PDB file of N, CA and C in Angstrom:
ATOM      1  N   MET A   1       0.901  -1.016  -0.133  1.00  0.00           N
ATOM      2  CA  MET A   1       0.119   0.248   0.015  1.00  0.00           C
ATOM      3  C   MET A   1       0.999   1.370   0.011  1.00  0.00           C
ATOM      4  N   SER A   2       0.421   2.200  -0.719  1.00  0.00           N
ATOM      5  CA  SER A   2       1.200   3.482  -0.732  1.00  0.00           C
ATOM      6  C   SER A   2       0.298   4.594  -0.031  1.00  0.00           C
ATOM      7  N   ARG A   3       1.233   5.476   0.511  1.00  0.00           N
ATOM      8  CA  ARG A   3       0.632   6.613   1.032  1.00  0.00           C
ATOM      9  C   ARG A   3       0.655   7.907   0.503  1.00  0.00           C
ATOM     10  N   LEU A   4      -0.348   8.706   0.342  1.00  0.00           N
ATOM     11  CA  LEU A   4      -0.125   9.782  -0.077  1.00  0.00           C
ATOM     12  C   LEU A   4       0.046  10.883   1.022  1.00  0.00           C
ATOM     13  N   ILE A   5       1.079  12.012   0.896  1.00  0.00           N
ATOM     14  CA  ILE A   5       1.563  12.612   1.884  1.00  0.00           C
ATOM     15  C   ILE A   5       1.204  14.386   1.370  1.00  0.00           C
ATOM     16  N   PHE A   6       0.084  14.717   1.977  1.00  0.00           N
ATOM     17  CA  PHE A   6      -0.244  16.198   1.527  1.00  0.00           C
ATOM     18  C   PHE A   6       0.320  17.304   2.570  1.00  0.00           C
ATOM     19  N   GLU A   7       0.799  18.341   1.778  1.00  0.00           N
ATOM     20  CA  GLU A   7       1.451  19.394   2.597  1.00  0.00           C
ATOM     21  C   GLU A   7       0.296  20.323   2.458  1.00  0.00           C
ATOM     22  N   ALA A   8       0.308  21.115   4.077  1.00  0.00           N
ATOM     23  CA  ALA A   8      -0.586  21.858   4.195  1.00  0.00           C
ATOM     24  C   ALA A   8      -0.326  23.239   3.538  1.00  0.00           C
ATOM     25  N   ARG A   9      -1.145  23.930   3.100  1.00  0.00           N
ATOM     26  CA  ARG A   9      -0.973  25.129   2.546  1.00  0.00           C
ATOM     27  C   ARG A   9      -1.177  26.295   3.288  1.00  0.00           C
ATOM     28  N   ARG A  10      -1.044  27.710   2.806  1.00  0.00           N
ATOM     29  CA  ARG A  10      -1.087  28.542   3.916  1.00  0.00           C
ATOM     30  C   ARG A  10      -2.848  28.777   3.545  1.00  0.00           C
ATOM     31  N   ARG A  11      -3.434  29.285   4.720  1.00  0.00           N
ATOM     32  CA  ARG A  11      -4.826  29.809   4.544  1.00  0.00           C
ATOM     33  C   ARG A  11      -5.217  31.203   4.362  1.00  0.00           C
ATOM     34  N   LEU A  12      -6.076  31.021   3.435  1.00  0.00           N
ATOM     35  CA  LEU A  12      -6.767  32.476   2.951  1.00  0.00           C
ATOM     36  C   LEU A  12      -7.233  33.229   4.165  1.00  0.00           C
ATOM     37  N   PRO A  13      -7.175  34.360   3.863  1.00  0.00           N
ATOM     38  CA  PRO A  13      -7.643  35.464   5.074  1.00  0.00           C
ATOM     39  C   PRO A  13      -9.106  35.338   4.905  1.00  0.00           C
ATOM     40  N   SER A  14      -9.722  35.672   5.850  1.00  0.00           N
ATOM     41  CA  SER A  14     -11.444  35.591   5.798  1.00  0.00           C
ATOM     42  C   SER A  14     -11.601  36.737   5.183  1.00  0.00           C
ATOM     43  N   PRO A  15     -13.045  36.843   4.686  1.00  0.00           N
ATOM     44  CA  PRO A  15     -13.451  38.035   3.963  1.00  0.00           C
ATOM     45  C   PRO A  15     -13.699  39.209   4.874  1.00  0.00           C
ATOM     46  N   VAL A  16     -13.618  40.224   4.311  1.00  0.00           N
ATOM     47  CA  VAL A  16     -14.078  41.585   5.066  1.00  0.00           C
ATOM     48  C   VAL A  16     -15.449  41.609   5.124  1.00  0.00           C
ATOM     49  N   THR A  17     -15.903  41.799   6.766  1.00  0.00           N
ATOM     50  CA  THR A  17     -17.537  41.985   6.940  1.00  0.00           C
ATOM     51  C   THR A  17     -17.890  43.433   7.048  1.00  0.00           C
ATOM     52  N   ARG A  18     -19.186  43.844   6.580  1.00  0.00           N
ATOM     53  CA  ARG A  18     -19.487  45.100   6.405  1.00  0.00           C
ATOM     54  C   ARG A  18     -19.897  45.477   7.795  1.00  0.00           C
ATOM     55  N   LYS A  19     -19.832  46.921   8.260  1.00  0.00           N
ATOM     56  CA  LYS A  19     -20.342  47.419   9.284  1.00  0.00           C
ATOM     57  C   LYS A  19     -21.382  47.807   9.678  1.00  0.00           C
ATOM     58  N   GLY A  20     -22.572  47.590  10.235  1.00  0.00           N
ATOM     59  CA  GLY A  20     -23.786  48.494  10.015  1.00  0.00           C
ATOM     60  C   GLY A  20     -24.928  47.262  10.544  1.00  0.00           C
ATOM     61  N   SER A  21     -26.286  47.888  10.317  1.00  0.00           N
ATOM     62  CA  SER A  21     -27.455  47.372  10.844  1.00  0.00           C
ATOM     63  C   SER A  21     -28.254  46.901   9.765  1.00  0.00           C
ATOM     64  N   ILE A  22     -28.936  45.365   9.923  1.00  0.00           N
ATOM     65  CA  ILE A  22     -29.779  44.998   8.991  1.00  0.00           C
ATOM     66  C   ILE A  22     -31.351  45.328   9.225  1.00  0.00           C
ATOM     67  N   SER A  23     -31.918  45.438   8.296  1.00  0.00           N
ATOM     68  CA  SER A  23     -33.540  45.970   8.715  1.00  0.00           C
ATOM     69  C   SER A  23     -34.192  44.961   8.252  1.00  0.00           C
ATOM     70  N   ILE A  24     -35.000  44.218   8.824  1.00  0.00           N
ATOM     71  CA  ILE A  24     -35.767  43.333   8.658  1.00  0.00           C
ATOM     72  C   ILE A  24     -37.352  43.479   8.480  1.00  0.00           C
ATOM     73  N   GLU A  25     -37.849  43.692   7.567  1.00  0.00           N
ATOM     74  CA  GLU A  25     -39.406  43.869   7.269  1.00  0.00           C
ATOM     75  C   GLU A  25     -40.292  42.279   7.696  1.00  0.00           C
ATOM     76  N   ALA A  26     -41.484  42.872   7.994  1.00  0.00           N
ATOM     77  CA  ALA A  26     -42.418  41.559   8.115  1.00  0.00           C
ATOM     78  C   ALA A  26     -42.863  41.036   6.741  1.00  0.00           C
ATOM     79  N   PRO A  27     -43.195  39.769   6.728  1.00  0.00           N
ATOM     80  CA  PRO A  27     -43.322  39.296   5.712  1.00  0.00           C
ATOM     81  C   PRO A  27     -44.945  39.369   5.230  1.00  0.00           C
ATOM     82  N   PRO A  28     -45.219  39.138   3.953  1.00  0.00           N
ATOM     83  CA  PRO A  28     -46.717  39.836   3.587  1.00  0.00           C
ATOM     84  C   PRO A  28     -47.560  38.610   4.335  1.00  0.00           C
ATOM     85  N   GLU A  29     -48.750  39.270   4.189  1.00  0.00           N
ATOM     86  CA  GLU A  29     -49.965  38.231   5.019  1.00  0.00           C
ATOM     87  C   GLU A  29     -50.342  37.257   4.009  1.00  0.00           C
ATOM     88  N   LEU A  30     -50.481  35.795   4.866  1.00  0.00           N
ATOM     89  CA  LEU A  30     -51.151  35.108   3.486  1.00  0.00           C
ATOM     90  C   LEU A  30     -52.498  35.135   3.321  1.00  0.00           C
ATOM     91  N   PRO A  31     -52.860  34.768   2.242  1.00  0.00           N
ATOM     92  CA  PRO A  31     -54.165  34.991   1.961  1.00  0.00           C
ATOM     93  C   PRO A  31     -55.074  33.639   2.836  1.00  0.00           C
ATOM     94  N   ARG A  32     -56.338  33.903   3.180  1.00  0.00           N
ATOM     95  CA  ARG A  32     -57.333  32.964   3.849  1.00  0.00           C
ATOM     96  C   ARG A  32     -57.493  31.698   2.937  1.00  0.00           C
ATOM     97  N   VAL A  33     -57.174  30.687   3.449  1.00  0.00           N
ATOM     98  CA  VAL A  33     -57.215  29.576   2.660  1.00  0.00           C
ATOM     99  C   VAL A  33     -58.923  28.996   2.760  1.00  0.00           C
ATOM    100  N   ILE A  34     -59.671  28.741   1.810  1.00  0.00           N
ATOM    101  CA  ILE A  34     -60.622  28.544   1.305  1.00  0.00           C
ATOM    102  C   ILE A  34     -60.597  26.781   1.529  1.00  0.00           C
ATOM    103  N   PRO A  35     -61.283  26.135   2.335  1.00  0.00           N
ATOM    104  CA  PRO A  35     -61.060  24.609   2.486  1.00  0.00           C
ATOM    105  C   PRO A  35     -61.817  23.909   1.347  1.00  0.00           C
ATOM    106  N   PRO A  36     -61.617  22.788   0.789  1.00  0.00           N
ATOM    107  CA  PRO A  36     -62.020  21.947  -0.398  1.00  0.00           C
ATOM    108  C   PRO A  36     -63.459  21.575  -0.007  1.00  0.00           C
ATOM    109  N   SER A  37     -64.409  21.217  -1.037  1.00  0.00           N
ATOM    110  CA  SER A  37     -65.747  20.879  -0.742  1.00  0.00           C
ATOM    111  C   SER A  37     -65.477  19.503  -0.181  1.00  0.00           C
ATOM    112  N   LEU A  38     -66.701  19.067   0.303  1.00  0.00           N
ATOM    113  CA  LEU A  38     -66.705  17.468   0.460  1.00  0.00           C
ATOM    114  C   LEU A  38     -66.556  16.668  -0.718  1.00  0.00           C
ATOM    115  N   LEU A  39     -67.249  16.996  -1.619  1.00  0.00           N
ATOM    116  CA  LEU A  39     -66.768  16.296  -2.836  1.00  0.00           C
ATOM    117  C   LEU A  39     -65.290  16.206  -3.103  1.00  0.00           C
ATOM    118  N   ARG A  40     -65.000  17.252  -3.153  1.00  0.00           N
ATOM    119  CA  ARG A  40     -63.523  17.325  -3.739  1.00  0.00           C
ATOM    120  C   ARG A  40     -62.632  16.546  -2.791  1.00  0.00           C
ATOM    121  N   ARG A  41     -62.899  16.338  -1.629  1.00  0.00           N
ATOM    122  CA  ARG A  41     -62.380  15.583  -0.276  1.00  0.00           C
ATOM    123  C   ARG A  41     -62.236  14.043  -0.920  1.00  0.00           C
ATOM    124  N   ALA A  42     -63.622  13.535  -0.940  1.00  0.00           N
ATOM    125  CA  ALA A  42     -64.142  12.332  -1.275  1.00  0.00           C
ATOM    126  C   ALA A  42     -63.739  11.670  -2.629  1.00  0.00           C
ATOM    127  N   LEU A  43     -63.124  12.492  -3.467  1.00  0.00           N
ATOM    128  CA  LEU A  43     -62.817  12.105  -4.928  1.00  0.00           C
ATOM    129  C   LEU A  43     -61.580  11.259  -4.864  1.00  0.00           C
ATOM    130  N   PRO A  44     -60.823  11.346  -4.270  1.00  0.00           N
ATOM    131  CA  PRO A  44     -59.670   9.918  -4.348  1.00  0.00           C
ATOM    132  C   PRO A  44     -60.259   8.806  -3.696  1.00  0.00           C
ATOM    133  N   VAL A  45     -60.814   8.872  -2.537  1.00  0.00           N
ATOM    134  CA  VAL A  45     -61.619   7.740  -2.121  1.00  0.00           C
ATOM    135  C   VAL A  45     -62.583   6.991  -3.229  1.00  0.00           C
ATOM    136  N   VAL A  46     -63.160   7.702  -3.787  1.00  0.00           N
ATOM    137  CA  VAL A  46     -64.142   7.264  -4.858  1.00  0.00           C
ATOM    138  C   VAL A  46     -63.380   6.542  -6.126  1.00  0.00           C
ATOM    139  N   ILE A  47     -62.309   7.074  -6.353  1.00  0.00           N
ATOM    140  CA  ILE A  47     -61.376   6.527  -7.303  1.00  0.00           C
ATOM    141  C   ILE A  47     -60.651   5.346  -6.766  1.00  0.00           C
ATOM    142  N   VAL A  48     -60.287   5.297  -5.711  1.00  0.00           N
ATOM    143  CA  VAL A  48     -59.693   3.836  -5.107  1.00  0.00           C
ATOM    144  C   VAL A  48     -60.928   2.707  -4.940  1.00  0.00           C
ATOM    145  N   LEU A  49     -62.079   3.108  -4.652  1.00  0.00           N
ATOM    146  CA  LEU A  49     -63.195   2.299  -4.793  1.00  0.00           C
ATOM    147  C   LEU A  49     -63.266   1.710  -6.074  1.00  0.00           C
ATOM    148  N   LEU A  50     -63.182   2.519  -7.198  1.00  0.00           N
ATOM    149  CA  LEU A  50     -63.454   2.249  -8.585  1.00  0.00           C
ATOM    150  C   LEU A  50     -62.752   0.988  -8.919  1.00  0.00           C
ATOM    151  N   ILE A  51     -61.255   1.504  -8.246  1.00  0.00           N
ATOM    152  CA  ILE A  51     -60.386   0.709  -8.695  1.00  0.00           C
ATOM    153  C   ILE A  51     -60.070  -1.175  -8.118  1.00  0.00           C
ATOM    154  N   VAL A  52     -60.689  -0.864  -6.618  1.00  0.00           N
ATOM    155  CA  VAL A  52     -60.953  -2.139  -6.122  1.00  0.00           C
ATOM    156  C   VAL A  52     -62.174  -2.829  -6.686  1.00  0.00           C
ATOM    157  N   GLY A  53     -63.093  -2.066  -7.079  1.00  0.00           N
ATOM    158  CA  GLY A  53     -64.428  -2.776  -7.715  1.00  0.00           C
ATOM    159  C   GLY A  53     -64.032  -3.396  -9.401  1.00  0.00           C
ATOM    160  N   MET A  54     -63.053  -2.845  -9.886  1.00  0.00           N
ATOM    161  CA  MET A  54     -62.364  -3.413 -11.030  1.00  0.00           C
ATOM    162  C   MET A  54     -62.002  -4.367 -10.931  1.00  0.00           C
ATOM    163  N   ILE A  55     -60.958  -4.525  -9.944  1.00  0.00           N
ATOM    164  CA  ILE A  55     -60.219  -5.843  -9.664  1.00  0.00           C
ATOM    165  C   ILE A  55     -61.066  -6.949  -9.115  1.00  0.00           C
ATOM    166  N   VAL A  56     -62.143  -6.694  -8.331  1.00  0.00           N
ATOM    167  CA  VAL A  56     -63.166  -7.517  -7.860  1.00  0.00           C
ATOM    168  C   VAL A  56     -63.735  -8.435  -9.332  1.00  0.00           C
ATOM    169  N   ALA A  57     -64.183  -7.327  -9.951  1.00  0.00           N
ATOM    170  CA  ALA A  57     -64.782  -7.804 -10.840  1.00  0.00           C
ATOM    171  C   ALA A  57     -64.153  -8.754 -12.133  1.00  0.00           C
ATOM    172  N   MET A  58     -62.521  -8.272 -12.217  1.00  0.00           N
ATOM    173  CA  MET A  58     -61.726  -8.976 -12.833  1.00  0.00           C
ATOM    174  C   MET A  58     -61.836 -10.538 -12.576  1.00  0.00           C
ATOM    175  N   VAL A  59     -61.390 -10.492 -10.996  1.00  0.00           N
ATOM    176  CA  VAL A  59     -61.336 -11.951 -10.509  1.00  0.00           C
ATOM    177  C   VAL A  59     -62.693 -12.827 -10.447  1.00  0.00           C
ATOM    178  N   ALA A  60     -63.753 -11.835 -10.570  1.00  0.00           N
ATOM    179  CA  ALA A  60     -64.864 -12.828 -10.214  1.00  0.00           C
ATOM    180  C   ALA A  60     -65.337 -13.325 -11.674  1.00  0.00           C
ATOM    181  N   THR A  61     -65.269 -12.637 -12.789  1.00  0.00           N
ATOM    182  CA  THR A  61     -65.681 -12.945 -13.953  1.00  0.00           C
ATOM    183  C   THR A  61     -64.470 -13.850 -14.734  1.00  0.00           C
ATOM    184  N   GLY A  62     -63.629 -13.630 -14.333  1.00  0.00           N
ATOM    185  CA  GLY A  62     -62.373 -14.364 -14.956  1.00  0.00           C
ATOM    186  C   GLY A  62     -62.012 -13.695 -16.375  1.00  0.00           C
ATOM    187  N   MET A  63     -62.752 -12.502 -16.777  1.00  0.00           N
ATOM    188  CA  MET A  63     -62.672 -11.699 -17.835  1.00  0.00           C
ATOM    189  C   MET A  63     -63.237 -12.700 -19.000  1.00  0.00           C
ATOM    190  N   ARG A  64     -64.168 -13.316 -18.718  1.00  0.00           N
ATOM    191  CA  ARG A  64     -65.054 -14.164 -19.968  1.00  0.00           C
ATOM    192  C   ARG A  64     -65.699 -13.138 -20.730  1.00  0.00           C
ATOM    193  N   LEU A  65     -66.555 -12.509 -20.186  1.00  0.00           N
ATOM    194  CA  LEU A  65     -67.518 -11.845 -21.106  1.00  0.00           C
ATOM    195  C   LEU A  65     -67.057 -10.527 -21.839  1.00  0.00           C
ATOM    196  N   ILE A  66     -66.766  -9.928 -20.841  1.00  0.00           N
ATOM    197  CA  ILE A  66     -66.270  -8.648 -21.122  1.00  0.00           C
ATOM    198  C   ILE A  66     -65.379  -8.034 -19.917  1.00  0.00           C
ATOM    199  N   SER A  67     -64.213  -7.290 -20.670  1.00  0.00           N
ATOM    200  CA  SER A  67     -63.452  -6.966 -19.658  1.00  0.00           C
ATOM    201  C   SER A  67     -63.875  -5.731 -18.637  1.00  0.00           C
ATOM    202  N   PRO A  68     -63.687  -5.899 -17.275  1.00  0.00           N
ATOM    203  CA  PRO A  68     -64.347  -4.887 -16.523  1.00  0.00           C
ATOM    204  C   PRO A  68     -63.506  -3.283 -16.587  1.00  0.00           C
ATOM    205  N   GLN A  69     -62.609  -3.453 -17.232  1.00  0.00           N
ATOM    206  CA  GLN A  69     -61.683  -2.385 -17.561  1.00  0.00           C
ATOM    207  C   GLN A  69     -62.436  -1.559 -18.484  1.00  0.00           C
ATOM    208  N   THR A  70     -63.283  -2.123 -19.388  1.00  0.00           N
ATOM    209  CA  THR A  70     -63.725  -1.571 -20.235  1.00  0.00           C
ATOM    210  C   THR A  70     -65.190  -0.937 -19.826  1.00  0.00           C
ATOM    211  N   LEU A  71     -65.569  -1.816 -18.910  1.00  0.00           N
ATOM    212  CA  LEU A  71     -66.772  -0.972 -18.143  1.00  0.00           C
ATOM    213  C   LEU A  71     -66.606   0.141 -17.232  1.00  0.00           C
ATOM    214  N   PHE A  72     -65.400   0.076 -16.373  1.00  0.00           N
ATOM    215  CA  PHE A  72     -65.098   1.210 -15.444  1.00  0.00           C
ATOM    216  C   PHE A  72     -64.396   2.180 -15.980  1.00  0.00           C
ATOM    217  N   PHE A  73     -63.756   2.358 -17.199  1.00  0.00           N
ATOM    218  CA  PHE A  73     -62.822   3.059 -17.974  1.00  0.00           C
ATOM    219  C   PHE A  73     -63.706   4.814 -18.166  1.00  0.00           C
ATOM    220  N   PRO A  74     -65.017   4.525 -18.678  1.00  0.00           N
ATOM    221  CA  PRO A  74     -65.664   5.597 -18.754  1.00  0.00           C
ATOM    222  C   PRO A  74     -65.967   6.279 -17.349  1.00  0.00           C
ATOM    223  N   PHE A  75     -66.600   5.606 -16.557  1.00  0.00           N
ATOM    224  CA  PHE A  75     -66.624   5.924 -15.148  1.00  0.00           C
ATOM    225  C   PHE A  75     -65.634   6.837 -14.389  1.00  0.00           C
ATOM    226  N   GLY A  76     -64.367   6.265 -14.771  1.00  0.00           N
ATOM    227  CA  GLY A  76     -62.982   6.705 -14.179  1.00  0.00           C
ATOM    228  C   GLY A  76     -62.863   8.048 -14.861  1.00  0.00           C
ATOM    229  N   ILE A  77     -62.873   7.858 -16.188  1.00  0.00           N
ATOM    230  CA  ILE A  77     -62.264   9.298 -16.994  1.00  0.00           C
ATOM    231  C   ILE A  77     -63.448  10.476 -16.390  1.00  0.00           C
ATOM    232  N   GLY A  78     -64.721   9.997 -16.498  1.00  0.00           N
ATOM    233  CA  GLY A  78     -66.087  11.227 -15.787  1.00  0.00           C
ATOM    234  C   GLY A  78     -65.594  11.731 -14.426  1.00  0.00           C
ATOM    235  N   ILE A  79     -65.264  10.770 -13.588  1.00  0.00           N
ATOM    236  CA  ILE A  79     -64.941  11.070 -12.221  1.00  0.00           C
ATOM    237  C   ILE A  79     -63.559  11.961 -12.092  1.00  0.00           C
ATOM    238  N   ILE A  80     -62.817  11.855 -12.771  1.00  0.00           N
ATOM    239  CA  ILE A  80     -61.438  12.472 -12.674  1.00  0.00           C
ATOM    240  C   ILE A  80     -61.863  13.899 -13.476  1.00  0.00           C
ATOM    241  N   LYS A  81     -62.692  14.065 -14.614  1.00  0.00           N
ATOM    242  CA  LYS A  81     -62.981  15.075 -15.350  1.00  0.00           C
ATOM    243  C   LYS A  81     -63.758  15.995 -14.078  1.00  0.00           C
ATOM    244  N   ASP A  82     -64.767  15.388 -13.622  1.00  0.00           N
ATOM    245  CA  ASP A  82     -65.516  16.293 -12.937  1.00  0.00           C
ATOM    246  C   ASP A  82     -64.725  16.748 -11.703  1.00  0.00           C
ATOM    247  N   GLY A  83     -63.818  15.916 -11.159  1.00  0.00           N
ATOM    248  CA  GLY A  83     -63.047  16.416  -9.986  1.00  0.00           C
ATOM    249  C   GLY A  83     -61.994  17.384 -10.338  1.00  0.00           C
ATOM    250  N   LYS A  84     -61.625  17.390 -11.185  1.00  0.00           N
ATOM    251  CA  LYS A  84     -60.602  18.335 -11.859  1.00  0.00           C
ATOM    252  C   LYS A  84     -61.257  19.624 -12.137  1.00  0.00           C
ATOM    253  N   ASN A  85     -62.618  19.791 -12.552  1.00  0.00           N
ATOM    254  CA  ASN A  85     -63.286  21.057 -12.684  1.00  0.00           C
ATOM    255  C   ASN A  85     -64.166  21.507 -11.587  1.00  0.00           C
ATOM    256  N   LEU A  86     -64.236  20.710 -10.430  1.00  0.00           N
ATOM    257  CA  LEU A  86     -65.017  21.008  -9.473  1.00  0.00           C
ATOM    258  C   LEU A  86     -64.479  22.050  -8.656  1.00  0.00           C
ATOM    259  N   GLY A  87     -65.035  23.113  -8.527  1.00  0.00           N
ATOM    260  CA  GLY A  87     -64.473  24.153  -7.370  1.00  0.00           C
ATOM    261  C   GLY A  87     -63.627  25.239  -8.087  1.00  0.00           C
ATOM    262  N   VAL A  88     -63.631  25.294  -9.377  1.00  0.00           N
ATOM    263  CA  VAL A  88     -62.863  26.029 -10.244  1.00  0.00           C
ATOM    264  C   VAL A  88     -63.111  27.530  -9.934  1.00  0.00           C
ATOM    265  N   GLU A  89     -64.613  27.724  -9.764  1.00  0.00           N
ATOM    266  CA  GLU A  89     -65.305  29.167  -9.534  1.00  0.00           C
ATOM    267  C   GLU A  89     -64.904  29.478  -8.024  1.00  0.00           C
ATOM    268  N   ARG A  90     -64.531  28.648  -7.137  1.00  0.00           N
ATOM    269  CA  ARG A  90     -64.422  28.720  -5.800  1.00  0.00           C
ATOM    270  C   ARG A  90     -62.922  29.347  -5.696  1.00  0.00           C
ATOM    271  N   GLN A  91     -62.015  29.087  -6.766  1.00  0.00           N
ATOM    272  CA  GLN A  91     -60.740  29.627  -6.603  1.00  0.00           C
ATOM    273  C   GLN A  91     -60.767  31.055  -6.728  1.00  0.00           C
ATOM    274  N   ASP A  92     -61.323  31.606  -7.944  1.00  0.00           N
ATOM    275  CA  ASP A  92     -61.389  32.949  -7.728  1.00  0.00           C
ATOM    276  C   ASP A  92     -62.290  33.661  -7.159  1.00  0.00           C
ATOM    277  N   ALA A  93     -62.916  33.089  -6.129  1.00  0.00           N
ATOM    278  CA  ALA A  93     -63.742  33.801  -4.999  1.00  0.00           C
ATOM    279  C   ALA A  93     -63.108  34.517  -4.216  1.00  0.00           C
ATOM    280  N   GLN A  94     -63.470  35.918  -3.677  1.00  0.00           N
ATOM    281  CA  GLN A  94     -62.755  36.724  -2.818  1.00  0.00           C
ATOM    282  C   GLN A  94     -63.165  36.090  -1.569  1.00  0.00           C
ATOM    283  N   PRO A  95     -62.349  36.067  -0.315  1.00  0.00           N
ATOM    284  CA  PRO A  95     -62.729  35.488   0.957  1.00  0.00           C
ATOM    285  C   PRO A  95     -63.666  36.975   1.661  1.00  0.00           C
ATOM    286  N   GLU A  96     -64.436  36.635   2.254  1.00  0.00           N
ATOM    287  CA  GLU A  96     -65.522  37.688   2.917  1.00  0.00           C
ATOM    288  C   GLU A  96     -65.297  37.930   4.429  1.00  0.00           C
TER     289      GLU A  96
END
């Protein structure tokens, strides 16, 4: 095994600090948060139930007649579309 020997170099002088005071201003006040609607909060649960239902239908039918994915796809797209547009008008509303 070989060893590398490092020689210590001269240290650089510390930077010059400015003298004086720093004035700190208060941060701007945050806008009031409008809580989401009950339907918007329940949407992830509905999507999970839809996925679980699709898996149950796949196991129960064995995908013999028609694929459950074909049946649940329009419902899933509709729920996602409605949830995306749900409460758009509330975002622009001014709190009272």
